């Protein structure tokens, strides 16, 4: 079994900090994963979330529509 923070074989898509090399949250595609776990989002604590391209697309659509704008407002 692969360690949870092992990113070997993952194709990087985006980094959500990019100003350092501190293990910022990143978005990857795992071409070897089953389709329902192909999109990988890692955090700066070494954890990961895996989802399908459809699930990720839904998240992107919600963000684009503004449906998630209120999440950060306190």
Foldseek 3Di string as FASTA:
>chain_A
DDDLLDCPQWAWDDFPPPPDDQQAWTWTARPPDPQQFGIWIAHSVSHIDGGHPVVVVVVVVCVVVCVCVCVPPD
